[in-house]
Amino acid sequence: MRYEEKAKLAAVKALVPVALLACSPVLLIAGAPIRRRYLRYVYRDGAPQILDKERGRVSVHYFVATNLLLRWLCRPTETLSCLVSRRGRETNRAS
């Protein structure tokens, strides 16, 4: 999408939070692995840039990757996975 396409940018900005809210039950249960996998896919080697200022293009992935709602919905599972990984390390050290 080009920067000049204001209508498309506005539509994407409005629809990304709606899509995230529709997926919120899944994100609350399994958000951390989904978000990690998605970001790995977006920022992989050889992938097109999500924000290309030289060509005046922005990708839909930019709005998803920088969305605060996605980060908030994935927070519970990220916190839980950190707690589980710490506990696993503590029990391994005690053994």
C-alpha atoms as a PDB file:
ATOM      1  CA  MET A   1       0.000   0.000   0.000  1.00  0.00           C
ATOM      2  CA  ARG A   2       1.270   3.448  -0.781  1.00  0.00           C
ATOM      3  CA  TYR A   3       1.363   6.271   1.754  1.00  0.00           C
ATOM      4  CA  GLU A   4      -0.833   8.355  -0.543  1.00  0.00           C
ATOM      5  CA  GLU A   5      -3.701   5.863  -0.349  1.00  0.00           C
ATOM      6  CA  LYS A   6      -5.292   7.505   2.688  1.00  0.00           C
ATOM      7  CA  ALA A   7      -8.597   5.609   2.464  1.00  0.00           C
ATOM      8  CA  LYS A   8      -6.899   2.212   2.449  1.00  0.00           C
ATOM      9  CA  LEU A   9      -4.644   3.167   5.346  1.00  0.00           C
ATOM     10  CA  ALA A  10      -7.613   4.373   7.380  1.00  0.00           C
ATOM     11  CA  ALA A  11      -9.531   1.170   6.656  1.00  0.00           C
ATOM     12  CA  VAL A  12      -6.598  -0.998   7.705  1.00  0.00           C
ATOM     13  CA  LYS A  13      -6.058   1.036  10.877  1.00  0.00           C
ATOM     14  CA  ALA A  14      -9.723   0.556  11.760  1.00  0.00           C
ATOM     15  CA  LEU A  15      -9.984  -3.127  10.846  1.00  0.00           C
ATOM     16  CA  VAL A  16      -6.813  -4.419  12.549  1.00  0.00           C
ATOM     17  CA  PRO A  17      -8.166  -3.847  16.097  1.00  0.00           C
ATOM     18  CA  VAL A  18     -11.507  -5.380  15.080  1.00  0.00           C
ATOM     19  CA  ALA A  19      -9.739  -8.482  13.798  1.00  0.00           C
ATOM     20  CA  LEU A  20      -7.637  -8.686  16.954  1.00  0.00           C
ATOM     21  CA  LEU A  21     -10.734  -8.451  19.140  1.00  0.00           C
ATOM     22  CA  ALA A  22     -12.358 -11.222  17.113  1.00  0.00           C
ATOM     23  CA  CYS A  23      -9.285 -13.380  17.744  1.00  0.00           C
ATOM     24  CA  SER A  24      -8.913 -12.315  21.378  1.00  0.00           C
ATOM     25  CA  PRO A  25      -9.993 -15.626  22.966  1.00  0.00           C
ATOM     26  CA  VAL A  26      -7.327 -17.471  21.013  1.00  0.00           C
ATOM     27  CA  LEU A  27      -4.714 -14.797  21.729  1.00  0.00           C
ATOM     28  CA  LEU A  28      -5.470 -14.866  25.452  1.00  0.00           C
ATOM     29  CA  ILE A  29      -4.961 -18.648  25.548  1.00  0.00           C
ATOM     30  CA  ALA A  30      -2.071 -19.083  23.093  1.00  0.00           C
ATOM     31  CA  GLY A  31      -0.968 -15.555  22.230  1.00  0.00           C
ATOM     32  CA  ALA A  32       2.752 -15.711  22.983  1.00  0.00           C
ATOM     33  CA  PRO A  33       3.639 -18.533  20.570  1.00  0.00           C
ATOM     34  CA  ILE A  34       1.364 -17.130  17.876  1.00  0.00           C
ATOM     35  CA  ARG A  35       2.859 -13.633  18.191  1.00  0.00           C
ATOM     36  CA  ARG A  36       6.447 -14.968  18.196  1.00  0.00           C
ATOM     37  CA  ARG A  37       5.804 -17.064  15.100  1.00  0.00           C
ATOM     38  CA  TYR A  38       4.083 -14.180  13.325  1.00  0.00           C
ATOM     39  CA  LEU A  39       6.909 -11.737  14.066  1.00  0.00           C
ATOM     40  CA  ARG A  40       9.481 -14.313  12.958  1.00  0.00           C
ATOM     41  CA  TYR A  41       7.577 -14.649   9.682  1.00  0.00           C
ATOM     42  CA  VAL A  42       7.314 -10.888   9.135  1.00  0.00           C
ATOM     43  CA  TYR A  43      10.973 -10.149   9.939  1.00  0.00           C
ATOM     44  CA  ARG A  44      12.520 -13.226   8.279  1.00  0.00           C
ATOM     45  CA  ASP A  45      15.478 -12.928   5.906  1.00  0.00           C
ATOM     46  CA  GLY A  46      14.405 -12.142   2.386  1.00  0.00           C
ATOM     47  CA  ALA A  47      10.980 -10.830   3.417  1.00  0.00           C
ATOM     48  CA  PRO A  48       9.822  -7.517   1.990  1.00  0.00           C
ATOM     49  CA  GLN A  49      10.144  -4.619   4.398  1.00  0.00           C
ATOM     50  CA  ILE A  50       6.996  -3.783   6.297  1.00  0.00           C
ATOM     51  CA  LEU A  51       7.804  -0.075   6.114  1.00  0.00           C
ATOM     52  CA  ASP A  52       9.674   1.065   3.010  1.00  0.00           C
ATOM     53  CA  LYS A  53      10.127   4.835   3.189  1.00  0.00           C
ATOM     54  CA  GLU A  54      12.227   5.022   0.018  1.00  0.00           C
ATOM     55  CA  ARG A  55       9.419   3.623  -2.128  1.00  0.00           C
ATOM     56  CA  GLY A  56       6.634   5.169  -0.054  1.00  0.00           C
ATOM     57  CA  ARG A  57       5.065   1.816   0.841  1.00  0.00           C
ATOM     58  CA  VAL A  58       3.666   0.418   4.050  1.00  0.00           C
ATOM     59  CA  SER A  59       2.528  -3.150   4.631  1.00  0.00           C
ATOM     60  CA  VAL A  60      -0.503  -4.319   6.578  1.00  0.00           C
ATOM     61  CA  HIS A  61       1.962  -6.233   8.756  1.00  0.00           C
ATOM     62  CA  TYR A  62       3.255  -2.890  10.059  1.00  0.00           C
ATOM     63  CA  PHE A  63      -0.096  -2.102  11.661  1.00  0.00           C
ATOM     64  CA  VAL A  64      -0.385  -5.563  13.192  1.00  0.00           C
ATOM     65  CA  ALA A  65       3.195  -5.789  14.471  1.00  0.00           C
ATOM     66  CA  THR A  66       3.062  -2.348  16.098  1.00  0.00           C
ATOM     67  CA  ASN A  67      -0.447  -2.682  17.531  1.00  0.00           C
ATOM     68  CA  LEU A  68      -0.603  -2.226  21.286  1.00  0.00           C
ATOM     69  CA  LEU A  69      -3.766  -4.338  21.559  1.00  0.00           C
ATOM     70  CA  LEU A  70      -1.920  -7.372  20.190  1.00  0.00           C
ATOM     71  CA  ARG A  71       0.793  -6.904  22.795  1.00  0.00           C
ATOM     72  CA  TRP A  72      -1.790  -6.621  25.592  1.00  0.00           C
ATOM     73  CA  LEU A  73      -3.720  -9.698  24.467  1.00  0.00           C
ATOM     74  CA  CYS A  74      -0.541 -11.774  24.342  1.00  0.00           C
ATOM     75  CA  ARG A  75       0.748 -10.576  27.734  1.00  0.00           C
ATOM     76  CA  PRO A  76      -0.954 -13.271  29.904  1.00  0.00           C
ATOM     77  CA  THR A  77       0.549 -16.188  28.001  1.00  0.00           C
ATOM     78  CA  GLU A  78       3.953 -14.480  27.774  1.00  0.00           C
ATOM     79  CA  THR A  79       3.946 -14.002  31.541  1.00  0.00           C
ATOM     80  CA  LEU A  80       2.838 -17.577  32.101  1.00  0.00           C
ATOM     81  CA  SER A  81       5.503 -18.970  29.785  1.00  0.00           C
ATOM     82  CA  CYS A  82       8.178 -16.944  31.607  1.00  0.00           C
ATOM     83  CA  LEU A  83       7.015 -18.303  34.963  1.00  0.00           C
ATOM     84  CA  VAL A  84       6.996 -21.880  33.691  1.00  0.00           C
ATOM     85  CA  SER A  85      10.452 -21.554  32.148  1.00  0.00           C
ATOM     86  CA  ARG A  86      11.867 -20.100  35.397  1.00  0.00           C
ATOM     87  CA  ARG A  87      10.326 -22.898  37.446  1.00  0.00           C
ATOM     88  CA  GLY A  88      11.759 -25.451  35.053  1.00  0.00           C
ATOM     89  CA  ARG A  89      15.224 -23.997  35.476  1.00  0.00           C
ATOM     90  CA  GLU A  90      14.877 -23.938  39.285  1.00  0.00           C
ATOM     91  CA  THR A  91      13.841 -27.601  39.478  1.00  0.00           C
ATOM     92  CA  ASN A  92      16.660 -28.617  37.152  1.00  0.00           C
ATOM     93  CA  ARG A  93      19.183 -26.851  39.387  1.00  0.00           C
ATOM     94  CA  ALA A  94      17.771 -28.469  42.520  1.00  0.00           C
ATOM     95  CA  SER A  95      18.097 -31.957  41.045  1.00  0.00           C
END
